[in-house]
N, C-alpha and C. Protein backbone atom coordinates (compact mmCIF):
# COMPACT_ATOMS: atom_id res chain seq x y z
N UNK A 1 101.26 193.18 39.76
CA UNK A 1 102.17 194.09 39.08
C UNK A 1 101.91 195.53 39.55
N UNK A 2 102.97 196.26 39.83
CA UNK A 2 102.85 197.64 40.28
C UNK A 2 103.16 198.59 39.12
N UNK A 3 102.31 199.58 38.91
CA UNK A 3 102.50 200.58 37.86
C UNK A 3 103.22 201.79 38.46
N UNK A 4 104.34 202.18 37.84
CA UNK A 4 105.10 203.33 38.32
C UNK A 4 105.51 204.20 37.14
N UNK A 5 105.86 205.46 37.42
CA UNK A 5 106.35 206.37 36.40
C UNK A 5 107.86 206.19 36.21
N UNK A 6 108.37 206.70 35.09
CA UNK A 6 109.80 206.59 34.81
C UNK A 6 110.63 207.22 35.92
N UNK A 7 110.20 208.37 36.43
CA UNK A 7 110.96 209.05 37.48
C UNK A 7 111.02 208.20 38.75
N UNK A 8 109.96 207.48 39.04
CA UNK A 8 109.97 206.58 40.20
C UNK A 8 110.97 205.45 40.00
N UNK A 9 111.03 204.93 38.77
CA UNK A 9 111.98 203.85 38.48
C UNK A 9 113.42 204.37 38.56
N UNK A 10 113.65 205.61 38.13
CA UNK A 10 114.98 206.20 38.24
C UNK A 10 115.43 206.28 39.70
N UNK A 11 114.50 206.57 40.60
CA UNK A 11 114.84 206.64 42.01
C UNK A 11 115.28 205.28 42.54
N UNK A 12 114.65 204.21 42.05
CA UNK A 12 115.08 202.86 42.44
C UNK A 12 116.51 202.60 41.98
N UNK A 13 116.81 203.02 40.74
CA UNK A 13 118.13 202.78 40.17
C UNK A 13 119.22 203.62 40.82
N UNK A 14 118.85 204.68 41.50
CA UNK A 14 119.84 205.53 42.18
C UNK A 14 120.39 204.88 43.45
N UNK A 15 119.69 203.88 43.97
CA UNK A 15 120.13 203.22 45.20
C UNK A 15 121.42 202.44 44.95
N UNK A 16 122.29 202.41 45.96
CA UNK A 16 123.52 201.62 45.85
C UNK A 16 123.21 200.15 45.66
N UNK A 17 122.16 199.68 46.35
CA UNK A 17 121.75 198.29 46.25
C UNK A 17 120.23 198.23 46.31
N UNK A 18 119.62 197.77 45.22
CA UNK A 18 118.15 197.70 45.15
C UNK A 18 117.73 196.26 44.88
N UNK A 19 116.68 195.83 45.57
CA UNK A 19 116.12 194.50 45.38
C UNK A 19 114.61 194.63 45.19
N UNK A 20 114.11 194.16 44.06
CA UNK A 20 112.69 194.30 43.77
C UNK A 20 111.87 193.28 44.57
N UNK A 21 110.66 193.69 44.90
CA UNK A 21 109.76 192.81 45.66
C UNK A 21 108.50 192.46 44.87
N UNK A 22 108.37 193.02 43.65
CA UNK A 22 107.21 192.74 42.82
C UNK A 22 107.51 193.12 41.37
N UNK A 23 106.66 192.65 40.44
CA UNK A 23 106.79 193.04 39.05
C UNK A 23 106.46 194.52 38.90
N UNK A 24 107.17 195.18 37.96
CA UNK A 24 106.97 196.61 37.74
C UNK A 24 106.59 196.88 36.28
N UNK A 25 105.62 197.74 36.09
CA UNK A 25 105.24 198.24 34.77
C UNK A 25 105.56 199.73 34.77
N UNK A 26 106.62 200.10 34.04
CA UNK A 26 107.05 201.50 34.00
C UNK A 26 106.26 202.20 32.89
N UNK A 27 105.45 203.15 33.28
CA UNK A 27 104.53 203.80 32.35
C UNK A 27 105.26 204.71 31.37
N UNK A 28 104.71 204.80 30.16
CA UNK A 28 105.24 205.68 29.12
C UNK A 28 104.82 207.11 29.39
N UNK A 29 105.65 208.04 28.88
CA UNK A 29 105.26 209.43 28.90
C UNK A 29 104.81 209.82 27.49
N UNK A 30 104.14 210.92 27.37
CA UNK A 30 103.84 211.47 26.06
C UNK A 30 102.57 210.96 25.43
N UNK A 31 102.48 211.17 24.13
CA UNK A 31 101.24 210.97 23.39
C UNK A 31 100.93 209.51 23.11
N UNK A 32 101.95 208.71 22.78
CA UNK A 32 101.70 207.38 22.23
C UNK A 32 101.63 206.31 23.31
N UNK A 33 100.75 205.37 23.11
CA UNK A 33 100.64 204.24 24.02
C UNK A 33 101.65 203.17 23.63
N UNK A 34 101.64 202.04 24.35
CA UNK A 34 102.60 200.97 24.12
C UNK A 34 101.99 199.79 23.37
N UNK A 35 100.80 199.95 22.84
CA UNK A 35 100.13 198.81 22.21
C UNK A 35 99.80 199.10 20.76
N UNK A 36 99.67 198.01 20.01
CA UNK A 36 99.22 198.10 18.62
C UNK A 36 100.10 199.01 17.76
N UNK A 37 99.46 199.76 16.89
CA UNK A 37 100.16 200.63 15.95
C UNK A 37 100.97 201.70 16.65
N UNK A 38 100.54 202.14 17.82
CA UNK A 38 101.19 203.26 18.48
C UNK A 38 102.62 202.95 18.89
N UNK A 39 102.93 201.71 19.23
CA UNK A 39 104.29 201.42 19.65
C UNK A 39 105.27 201.57 18.48
N UNK A 40 104.79 201.37 17.25
CA UNK A 40 105.65 201.59 16.09
C UNK A 40 105.74 203.07 15.75
N UNK A 41 104.67 203.80 15.95
CA UNK A 41 104.73 205.25 15.76
C UNK A 41 105.70 205.89 16.74
N UNK A 42 105.78 205.34 17.94
CA UNK A 42 106.73 205.85 18.92
C UNK A 42 108.15 205.75 18.39
N UNK A 43 108.45 204.66 17.68
CA UNK A 43 109.81 204.48 17.15
C UNK A 43 110.12 205.51 16.07
N UNK A 44 109.17 205.77 15.18
CA UNK A 44 109.44 206.67 14.07
C UNK A 44 109.41 208.15 14.46
N UNK A 45 108.63 208.49 15.49
CA UNK A 45 108.44 209.88 15.84
C UNK A 45 109.11 210.29 17.16
N UNK A 46 109.82 209.37 17.80
CA UNK A 46 110.50 209.67 19.03
C UNK A 46 111.98 209.40 18.87
N UNK A 47 112.83 210.31 19.39
CA UNK A 47 114.27 210.14 19.27
C UNK A 47 114.75 209.17 20.34
N UNK A 48 114.70 207.86 20.03
CA UNK A 48 115.11 206.87 21.01
C UNK A 48 116.63 206.74 21.09
N UNK A 49 117.38 207.31 20.15
CA UNK A 49 118.82 207.15 20.17
C UNK A 49 119.43 207.74 21.44
N UNK A 50 118.75 208.71 22.08
CA UNK A 50 119.27 209.31 23.31
C UNK A 50 118.22 209.25 24.42
N UNK A 51 117.18 208.50 24.24
CA UNK A 51 116.07 208.45 25.18
C UNK A 51 116.23 207.23 26.08
N UNK A 52 117.17 207.32 27.03
CA UNK A 52 117.46 206.22 27.93
C UNK A 52 116.82 206.48 29.29
N UNK A 53 116.59 205.40 30.03
CA UNK A 53 116.12 205.57 31.40
C UNK A 53 117.18 206.29 32.24
N UNK A 54 118.45 205.89 32.10
CA UNK A 54 119.55 206.48 32.87
C UNK A 54 120.83 206.33 32.07
N UNK A 55 121.68 207.36 32.03
CA UNK A 55 122.89 207.30 31.20
C UNK A 55 123.87 206.26 31.74
N UNK A 56 124.24 206.38 33.02
CA UNK A 56 125.23 205.48 33.62
C UNK A 56 124.65 204.80 34.85
N UNK A 57 124.85 203.47 34.94
CA UNK A 57 124.38 202.74 36.10
C UNK A 57 125.56 202.31 36.95
N UNK A 58 125.55 202.73 38.22
CA UNK A 58 126.56 202.32 39.20
C UNK A 58 125.82 201.82 40.44
N UNK A 59 125.87 200.55 40.67
CA UNK A 59 125.16 200.00 41.82
C UNK A 59 124.84 198.54 41.61
N UNK A 60 123.90 198.05 42.40
CA UNK A 60 123.48 196.66 42.33
C UNK A 60 121.96 196.61 42.23
N UNK A 61 121.47 195.93 41.19
CA UNK A 61 120.03 195.76 41.01
C UNK A 61 119.73 194.27 40.98
N UNK A 62 118.99 193.80 41.97
CA UNK A 62 118.58 192.40 42.05
C UNK A 62 117.08 192.34 41.82
N UNK A 63 116.69 191.72 40.72
CA UNK A 63 115.27 191.65 40.39
C UNK A 63 114.50 190.63 41.20
N UNK A 64 115.21 189.74 41.91
CA UNK A 64 114.55 188.75 42.75
C UNK A 64 113.55 187.90 41.95
N UNK A 65 113.85 187.71 40.64
CA UNK A 65 113.00 186.89 39.78
C UNK A 65 111.83 187.62 39.16
N UNK A 66 111.73 188.94 39.35
CA UNK A 66 110.59 189.69 38.87
C UNK A 66 110.81 190.24 37.46
N UNK A 67 109.71 190.70 36.85
CA UNK A 67 109.71 191.28 35.50
C UNK A 67 109.54 192.79 35.59
N UNK A 68 110.32 193.50 34.76
CA UNK A 68 110.15 194.95 34.63
C UNK A 68 109.78 195.23 33.18
N UNK A 69 108.60 195.80 32.97
CA UNK A 69 108.12 196.14 31.63
C UNK A 69 108.45 197.60 31.36
N UNK A 70 109.19 197.85 30.27
CA UNK A 70 109.73 199.18 30.00
C UNK A 70 109.33 199.70 28.62
N UNK A 71 109.21 201.03 28.48
CA UNK A 71 108.89 201.62 27.18
C UNK A 71 110.13 202.01 26.38
N UNK A 72 111.32 201.97 27.00
CA UNK A 72 112.53 202.42 26.31
C UNK A 72 113.75 201.78 26.96
N UNK A 73 114.93 201.86 26.33
CA UNK A 73 116.13 201.18 26.84
C UNK A 73 116.61 201.73 28.18
N UNK A 74 117.54 201.00 28.79
CA UNK A 74 117.95 201.32 30.15
C UNK A 74 119.13 202.29 30.22
N UNK A 75 120.35 201.81 29.89
CA UNK A 75 121.55 202.59 30.19
C UNK A 75 122.44 202.76 28.96
N UNK A 76 123.29 203.78 29.02
CA UNK A 76 124.39 203.90 28.05
C UNK A 76 125.57 203.04 28.52
N UNK A 77 125.87 203.11 29.83
CA UNK A 77 127.03 202.37 30.35
C UNK A 77 126.72 201.78 31.72
N UNK A 78 127.18 200.53 31.94
CA UNK A 78 127.18 199.91 33.26
C UNK A 78 128.62 199.88 33.74
N UNK A 79 128.89 200.45 34.92
CA UNK A 79 130.26 200.59 35.39
C UNK A 79 130.80 199.28 35.95
N UNK A 80 132.12 199.26 36.18
CA UNK A 80 132.82 198.02 36.54
C UNK A 80 132.45 197.49 37.92
N UNK A 81 131.94 198.35 38.79
CA UNK A 81 131.58 197.91 40.14
C UNK A 81 130.09 197.62 40.27
N UNK A 82 129.41 197.41 39.16
CA UNK A 82 127.95 197.28 39.16
C UNK A 82 127.52 195.88 38.76
N UNK A 83 126.28 195.52 39.15
CA UNK A 83 125.73 194.23 38.76
C UNK A 83 124.21 194.34 38.59
N UNK A 84 123.70 193.55 37.64
CA UNK A 84 122.26 193.41 37.42
C UNK A 84 121.98 191.91 37.40
N UNK A 85 121.02 191.46 38.22
CA UNK A 85 120.85 190.02 38.37
C UNK A 85 119.39 189.64 38.62
N UNK A 86 119.05 188.41 38.21
CA UNK A 86 117.77 187.75 38.55
C UNK A 86 116.56 188.61 38.16
N UNK A 87 116.52 189.00 36.88
CA UNK A 87 115.46 189.91 36.45
C UNK A 87 115.13 189.67 34.98
N UNK A 88 113.87 189.89 34.62
CA UNK A 88 113.44 189.85 33.22
C UNK A 88 112.99 191.23 32.79
N UNK A 89 113.56 191.73 31.68
CA UNK A 89 113.16 193.00 31.11
C UNK A 89 112.32 192.76 29.86
N UNK A 90 111.16 193.36 29.84
CA UNK A 90 110.26 193.27 28.69
C UNK A 90 110.13 194.66 28.10
N UNK A 91 110.54 194.80 26.82
CA UNK A 91 110.46 196.10 26.16
C UNK A 91 109.23 196.13 25.27
N UNK A 92 108.36 197.10 25.53
CA UNK A 92 107.05 197.14 24.88
C UNK A 92 107.09 197.82 23.52
N UNK A 93 108.04 198.71 23.29
CA UNK A 93 108.11 199.44 22.03
C UNK A 93 109.31 198.98 21.22
N UNK A 94 109.26 199.16 19.91
CA UNK A 94 110.43 198.94 19.07
C UNK A 94 111.44 200.04 19.39
N UNK A 95 112.66 199.66 19.78
CA UNK A 95 113.65 200.65 20.19
C UNK A 95 114.89 200.57 19.32
N UNK A 96 115.67 201.66 19.29
CA UNK A 96 116.82 201.73 18.42
C UNK A 96 118.14 201.68 19.17
N UNK A 97 118.11 201.57 20.50
CA UNK A 97 119.32 201.43 21.30
C UNK A 97 119.45 199.99 21.79
N UNK A 98 120.66 199.64 22.26
CA UNK A 98 120.81 198.37 22.94
C UNK A 98 119.90 198.36 24.16
N UNK A 99 119.25 197.22 24.41
CA UNK A 99 118.20 197.19 25.42
C UNK A 99 118.71 197.51 26.82
N UNK A 100 119.78 196.86 27.28
CA UNK A 100 120.26 197.10 28.63
C UNK A 100 121.34 198.18 28.67
N UNK A 101 122.36 198.07 27.83
CA UNK A 101 123.42 199.08 27.83
C UNK A 101 124.21 199.02 26.53
N UNK A 102 124.73 200.17 26.12
CA UNK A 102 125.62 200.18 24.96
C UNK A 102 126.96 199.55 25.32
N UNK A 103 127.44 199.80 26.55
CA UNK A 103 128.72 199.24 26.99
C UNK A 103 128.57 198.68 28.40
N UNK A 104 129.02 197.43 28.59
CA UNK A 104 128.96 196.80 29.91
C UNK A 104 130.35 196.53 30.44
N UNK A 105 130.66 197.14 31.60
CA UNK A 105 131.89 196.85 32.32
C UNK A 105 131.59 196.09 33.62
N UNK A 106 130.32 195.86 33.90
CA UNK A 106 129.92 195.21 35.13
C UNK A 106 129.62 193.74 34.93
N UNK A 107 128.69 193.22 35.74
CA UNK A 107 128.33 191.81 35.67
C UNK A 107 126.82 191.66 35.53
N UNK A 108 126.39 190.88 34.53
CA UNK A 108 124.98 190.56 34.33
C UNK A 108 124.81 189.07 34.59
N UNK A 109 123.90 188.72 35.52
CA UNK A 109 123.67 187.32 35.87
C UNK A 109 122.17 187.03 35.89
N UNK A 110 121.78 185.95 35.24
CA UNK A 110 120.38 185.52 35.23
C UNK A 110 119.45 186.66 34.81
N UNK A 111 119.82 187.31 33.73
CA UNK A 111 119.02 188.40 33.16
C UNK A 111 118.43 187.93 31.84
N UNK A 112 117.14 188.11 31.65
CA UNK A 112 116.51 187.78 30.38
C UNK A 112 115.86 189.03 29.80
N UNK A 113 115.86 189.11 28.48
CA UNK A 113 115.31 190.27 27.77
C UNK A 113 114.44 189.77 26.63
N UNK A 114 113.27 190.39 26.46
CA UNK A 114 112.44 190.13 25.29
C UNK A 114 112.05 191.46 24.67
N UNK A 115 112.07 191.53 23.33
CA UNK A 115 111.70 192.77 22.68
C UNK A 115 112.10 192.80 21.22
N UNK A 116 112.03 193.98 20.63
CA UNK A 116 112.25 194.17 19.20
C UNK A 116 113.15 195.39 19.01
N UNK A 117 114.35 195.16 18.46
CA UNK A 117 115.30 196.24 18.20
C UNK A 117 115.46 196.40 16.70
N UNK A 118 115.31 197.62 16.21
CA UNK A 118 115.49 197.91 14.79
C UNK A 118 116.28 199.20 14.66
N UNK A 119 117.52 199.11 14.20
CA UNK A 119 118.41 200.27 14.16
C UNK A 119 118.89 200.55 12.74
N UNK A 120 118.77 201.80 12.32
CA UNK A 120 119.23 202.19 10.98
C UNK A 120 120.06 203.46 11.03
N UNK A 121 120.65 203.78 12.19
CA UNK A 121 121.48 204.97 12.29
C UNK A 121 122.71 204.85 11.40
N UNK A 122 123.13 205.97 10.83
CA UNK A 122 124.27 205.97 9.91
C UNK A 122 125.59 206.10 10.68
N UNK A 123 125.81 205.21 11.64
CA UNK A 123 127.05 205.22 12.40
C UNK A 123 127.51 203.79 12.60
N UNK A 124 128.82 203.64 12.85
CA UNK A 124 129.36 202.34 13.18
C UNK A 124 129.04 202.05 14.63
N UNK A 125 128.35 200.95 14.89
CA UNK A 125 127.88 200.71 16.24
C UNK A 125 127.61 199.22 16.44
N UNK A 126 128.04 198.69 17.59
CA UNK A 126 127.75 197.30 17.92
C UNK A 126 126.39 197.22 18.59
N UNK A 127 125.60 196.23 18.18
CA UNK A 127 124.24 196.08 18.69
C UNK A 127 124.00 194.66 19.16
N UNK A 128 123.41 194.54 20.36
CA UNK A 128 123.14 193.22 20.91
C UNK A 128 121.80 193.17 21.61
N UNK A 129 121.31 191.96 21.82
CA UNK A 129 120.05 191.80 22.52
C UNK A 129 120.11 192.30 23.95
N UNK A 130 121.27 192.21 24.58
CA UNK A 130 121.45 192.76 25.92
C UNK A 130 122.32 194.02 25.87
N UNK A 131 123.56 193.88 25.34
CA UNK A 131 124.48 195.02 25.32
C UNK A 131 125.16 195.13 23.97
N UNK A 132 125.66 196.33 23.68
CA UNK A 132 126.40 196.53 22.44
C UNK A 132 127.79 195.90 22.53
N UNK A 133 128.58 196.34 23.51
CA UNK A 133 129.93 195.80 23.73
C UNK A 133 130.06 195.34 25.17
N UNK A 134 130.51 194.10 25.35
CA UNK A 134 130.70 193.54 26.69
C UNK A 134 132.18 193.46 27.02
N UNK A 135 132.56 194.06 28.17
CA UNK A 135 133.95 194.03 28.61
C UNK A 135 134.15 193.18 29.87
N UNK A 136 133.05 192.63 30.43
CA UNK A 136 133.20 191.89 31.67
C UNK A 136 132.46 190.55 31.57
N UNK A 137 131.51 190.27 32.46
CA UNK A 137 130.88 188.95 32.53
C UNK A 137 129.37 189.05 32.31
N UNK A 138 128.87 188.24 31.39
CA UNK A 138 127.44 188.04 31.20
C UNK A 138 127.20 186.54 31.30
N UNK A 139 126.46 186.12 32.34
CA UNK A 139 126.30 184.67 32.56
C UNK A 139 124.84 184.32 32.81
N UNK A 140 124.44 183.16 32.28
CA UNK A 140 123.07 182.64 32.45
C UNK A 140 122.03 183.67 32.04
N UNK A 141 122.28 184.35 30.94
CA UNK A 141 121.37 185.38 30.43
C UNK A 141 120.77 184.93 29.10
N UNK A 142 119.67 185.57 28.72
CA UNK A 142 119.00 185.16 27.49
C UNK A 142 118.33 186.35 26.81
N UNK A 143 118.14 186.18 25.50
CA UNK A 143 117.38 187.15 24.71
C UNK A 143 116.40 186.40 23.83
N UNK A 144 115.17 186.93 23.72
CA UNK A 144 114.21 186.40 22.76
C UNK A 144 113.53 187.58 22.08
N UNK A 145 113.48 187.54 20.76
CA UNK A 145 112.88 188.63 20.01
C UNK A 145 113.56 188.82 18.67
N UNK A 146 113.59 190.07 18.18
CA UNK A 146 114.18 190.38 16.88
C UNK A 146 115.19 191.51 17.02
N UNK A 147 116.36 191.29 16.38
CA UNK A 147 117.38 192.34 16.24
C UNK A 147 117.57 192.57 14.76
N UNK A 148 117.37 193.82 14.34
CA UNK A 148 117.49 194.13 12.92
C UNK A 148 118.31 195.40 12.75
N UNK A 149 119.49 195.24 12.15
CA UNK A 149 120.37 196.37 11.89
C UNK A 149 120.45 196.57 10.39
N UNK A 150 120.15 197.77 9.92
CA UNK A 150 120.09 198.04 8.49
C UNK A 150 121.22 198.93 8.04
N UNK A 151 121.60 198.79 6.77
CA UNK A 151 122.52 199.72 6.16
C UNK A 151 121.81 201.04 5.89
N UNK A 152 122.60 202.10 5.71
CA UNK A 152 121.98 203.37 5.38
C UNK A 152 121.53 203.35 3.92
N UNK A 153 120.90 204.43 3.48
CA UNK A 153 120.29 204.47 2.15
C UNK A 153 121.31 204.34 1.03
N UNK A 154 122.57 204.71 1.29
CA UNK A 154 123.60 204.62 0.26
C UNK A 154 124.27 203.24 0.23
N UNK A 155 123.88 202.38 1.17
CA UNK A 155 124.40 201.02 1.17
C UNK A 155 125.86 200.90 1.56
N UNK A 156 126.38 201.81 2.38
CA UNK A 156 127.77 201.74 2.77
C UNK A 156 128.00 200.55 3.70
N UNK A 157 129.20 199.99 3.66
CA UNK A 157 129.54 198.86 4.51
C UNK A 157 130.02 199.36 5.87
N UNK A 158 129.10 199.72 6.71
CA UNK A 158 129.45 200.19 8.04
C UNK A 158 130.00 199.03 8.85
N UNK A 159 130.99 199.33 9.69
CA UNK A 159 131.64 198.27 10.46
C UNK A 159 130.83 198.00 11.71
N UNK A 160 129.78 197.24 11.54
CA UNK A 160 128.89 196.94 12.64
C UNK A 160 128.97 195.48 13.04
N UNK A 161 128.71 195.24 14.33
CA UNK A 161 128.61 193.88 14.84
C UNK A 161 127.24 193.71 15.48
N UNK A 162 126.55 192.65 15.12
CA UNK A 162 125.20 192.41 15.63
C UNK A 162 125.12 191.00 16.21
N UNK A 163 124.75 190.90 17.49
CA UNK A 163 124.67 189.58 18.13
C UNK A 163 123.53 189.49 19.12
N UNK A 164 123.04 188.26 19.33
CA UNK A 164 121.88 188.07 20.18
C UNK A 164 122.08 188.45 21.63
N UNK A 165 123.30 188.27 22.16
CA UNK A 165 123.61 188.70 23.52
C UNK A 165 124.41 190.00 23.50
N UNK A 166 125.52 190.01 22.77
CA UNK A 166 126.36 191.20 22.65
C UNK A 166 126.79 191.37 21.20
N UNK A 167 126.77 192.60 20.73
CA UNK A 167 127.26 192.84 19.38
C UNK A 167 128.74 192.53 19.28
N UNK A 168 129.50 192.95 20.30
CA UNK A 168 130.95 192.75 20.35
C UNK A 168 131.30 192.26 21.75
N UNK A 169 131.95 191.10 21.83
CA UNK A 169 132.33 190.55 23.14
C UNK A 169 133.83 190.67 23.35
N UNK A 170 134.21 191.45 24.36
CA UNK A 170 135.61 191.57 24.75
C UNK A 170 135.83 190.94 26.13
N UNK A 171 134.76 190.35 26.69
CA UNK A 171 134.84 189.76 28.03
C UNK A 171 134.47 188.29 28.00
N UNK A 172 133.47 187.92 28.82
CA UNK A 172 133.09 186.52 28.94
C UNK A 172 131.57 186.38 28.84
N UNK A 173 131.12 185.49 27.96
CA UNK A 173 129.72 185.13 27.83
C UNK A 173 129.60 183.66 28.21
N UNK A 174 128.86 183.39 29.27
CA UNK A 174 128.83 182.03 29.80
C UNK A 174 127.38 181.57 30.00
N UNK A 175 127.03 180.43 29.40
CA UNK A 175 125.72 179.79 29.58
C UNK A 175 124.56 180.72 29.22
N UNK A 176 124.68 181.37 28.08
CA UNK A 176 123.65 182.28 27.58
C UNK A 176 122.89 181.64 26.43
N UNK A 177 121.68 182.12 26.16
CA UNK A 177 120.87 181.55 25.09
C UNK A 177 120.11 182.65 24.34
N UNK A 178 119.81 182.36 23.07
CA UNK A 178 119.13 183.32 22.19
C UNK A 178 118.10 182.58 21.35
N UNK A 179 116.92 183.21 21.17
CA UNK A 179 115.91 182.68 20.25
C UNK A 179 115.24 183.86 19.56
N UNK A 180 114.82 183.64 18.31
CA UNK A 180 114.17 184.70 17.55
C UNK A 180 114.87 184.94 16.23
N UNK A 181 115.30 186.19 15.98
CA UNK A 181 115.96 186.53 14.72
C UNK A 181 117.02 187.59 14.95
N UNK A 182 118.20 187.39 14.33
CA UNK A 182 119.29 188.38 14.38
C UNK A 182 119.69 188.66 12.94
N UNK A 183 119.48 189.89 12.50
CA UNK A 183 119.70 190.25 11.10
C UNK A 183 120.53 191.52 11.04
N UNK A 184 121.59 191.52 10.22
CA UNK A 184 122.43 192.70 10.10
C UNK A 184 123.20 192.71 8.81
N UNK A 185 123.88 193.82 8.49
CA UNK A 185 124.59 193.94 7.21
C UNK A 185 125.87 193.11 7.16
N UNK A 186 126.66 193.13 8.24
CA UNK A 186 127.92 192.38 8.30
C UNK A 186 128.18 191.98 9.75
N UNK A 187 129.06 190.99 9.95
CA UNK A 187 129.47 190.54 11.29
C UNK A 187 128.26 190.25 12.17
N UNK A 188 127.49 189.24 11.79
CA UNK A 188 126.27 188.87 12.49
C UNK A 188 126.46 187.50 13.14
N UNK A 189 126.03 187.38 14.42
CA UNK A 189 126.14 186.10 15.10
C UNK A 189 124.98 185.87 16.05
N UNK A 190 124.65 184.61 16.28
CA UNK A 190 123.55 184.31 17.18
C UNK A 190 123.82 184.76 18.60
N UNK A 191 125.03 184.55 19.10
CA UNK A 191 125.41 184.97 20.44
C UNK A 191 126.12 186.31 20.41
N UNK A 192 127.13 186.45 19.55
CA UNK A 192 127.85 187.71 19.42
C UNK A 192 128.30 187.91 17.98
N UNK A 193 128.31 189.15 17.53
CA UNK A 193 128.73 189.44 16.17
C UNK A 193 130.23 189.37 15.99
N UNK A 194 130.97 189.73 17.02
CA UNK A 194 132.43 189.62 17.02
C UNK A 194 132.88 189.19 18.41
N UNK A 195 133.84 188.24 18.46
CA UNK A 195 134.30 187.73 19.75
C UNK A 195 135.81 187.85 19.88
N UNK A 196 136.25 188.66 20.83
CA UNK A 196 137.66 188.75 21.20
C UNK A 196 137.85 188.31 22.65
N UNK A 197 136.83 187.65 23.19
CA UNK A 197 136.88 187.20 24.57
C UNK A 197 136.60 185.71 24.66
N UNK A 198 135.74 185.33 25.60
CA UNK A 198 135.41 183.92 25.83
C UNK A 198 133.90 183.73 25.69
N UNK A 199 133.50 182.73 24.91
CA UNK A 199 132.11 182.31 24.81
C UNK A 199 132.04 180.85 25.20
N UNK A 200 131.28 180.54 26.25
CA UNK A 200 131.28 179.17 26.81
C UNK A 200 129.86 178.72 27.11
N UNK A 201 129.52 177.51 26.69
CA UNK A 201 128.24 176.86 27.02
C UNK A 201 127.03 177.70 26.61
N UNK A 202 127.11 178.38 25.48
CA UNK A 202 125.99 179.19 24.99
C UNK A 202 125.26 178.43 23.89
N UNK A 203 123.97 178.75 23.70
CA UNK A 203 123.20 178.04 22.68
C UNK A 203 122.16 178.95 22.04
N UNK A 204 121.80 178.58 20.82
CA UNK A 204 120.73 179.27 20.07
C UNK A 204 119.67 178.23 19.74
N UNK A 205 118.42 178.59 19.95
CA UNK A 205 117.33 177.68 19.60
C UNK A 205 116.25 178.43 18.84
N UNK A 206 115.75 177.80 17.78
CA UNK A 206 114.73 178.39 16.93
C UNK A 206 115.14 179.82 16.54
N UNK A 207 116.37 179.94 16.07
CA UNK A 207 116.95 181.24 15.78
C UNK A 207 117.25 181.39 14.30
N UNK A 208 116.86 182.54 13.74
CA UNK A 208 117.22 182.90 12.38
C UNK A 208 118.36 183.90 12.43
N UNK A 209 119.48 183.56 11.83
CA UNK A 209 120.62 184.47 11.75
C UNK A 209 120.95 184.70 10.30
N UNK A 210 121.00 185.98 9.87
CA UNK A 210 121.26 186.24 8.46
C UNK A 210 121.82 187.63 8.26
N UNK A 211 122.53 187.79 7.10
CA UNK A 211 122.95 189.09 6.66
C UNK A 211 121.90 189.67 5.74
N UNK A 212 122.06 190.93 5.40
CA UNK A 212 121.10 191.57 4.51
C UNK A 212 121.42 191.25 3.07
N UNK A 213 120.37 191.20 2.24
CA UNK A 213 120.56 190.94 0.81
C UNK A 213 121.14 192.18 0.14
């Protein structure tokens, strides 16, 4: 495994076409480490809502079967001419953003994600193990871990969608799988919280899906 800084990883993502040749451990910046109690302190004392590796991804990233260990989420948006494939993302800290992207217009193939997402922002927002809202193709992808979306302190019924792969699917989810726990206030699903597209050959195993009490 190769240890690199966040800025070094950003340079990889700037390439039109990048193919990894080894596992990468992207080091954290700042005071807190990624282990034990500190990874939870990072969530409470760091503004992860805007702390992304890169705002917009345009290009091709082929993981070549390798793992990338990250301290924070990846993108706000994946553009329509982009693809991410053959890669496992491991998130070391509890994060409050969608792990890969809030909105996907590109193609995700053979991508797996493991981690812990806990979001309590007072906004209407779709949350998923991979992406918040999918507008294109996510195929042969998987999520394992915990997704927890909470209501605000006043208990308002925010119009949120929470799903193991995508919070809201407007495209195609094909041959995807989810394990762990997906918990949210309303519109909760193992694969997707709301589906206006196509879901085909997807499965959930050892999965807890529930709304909040």
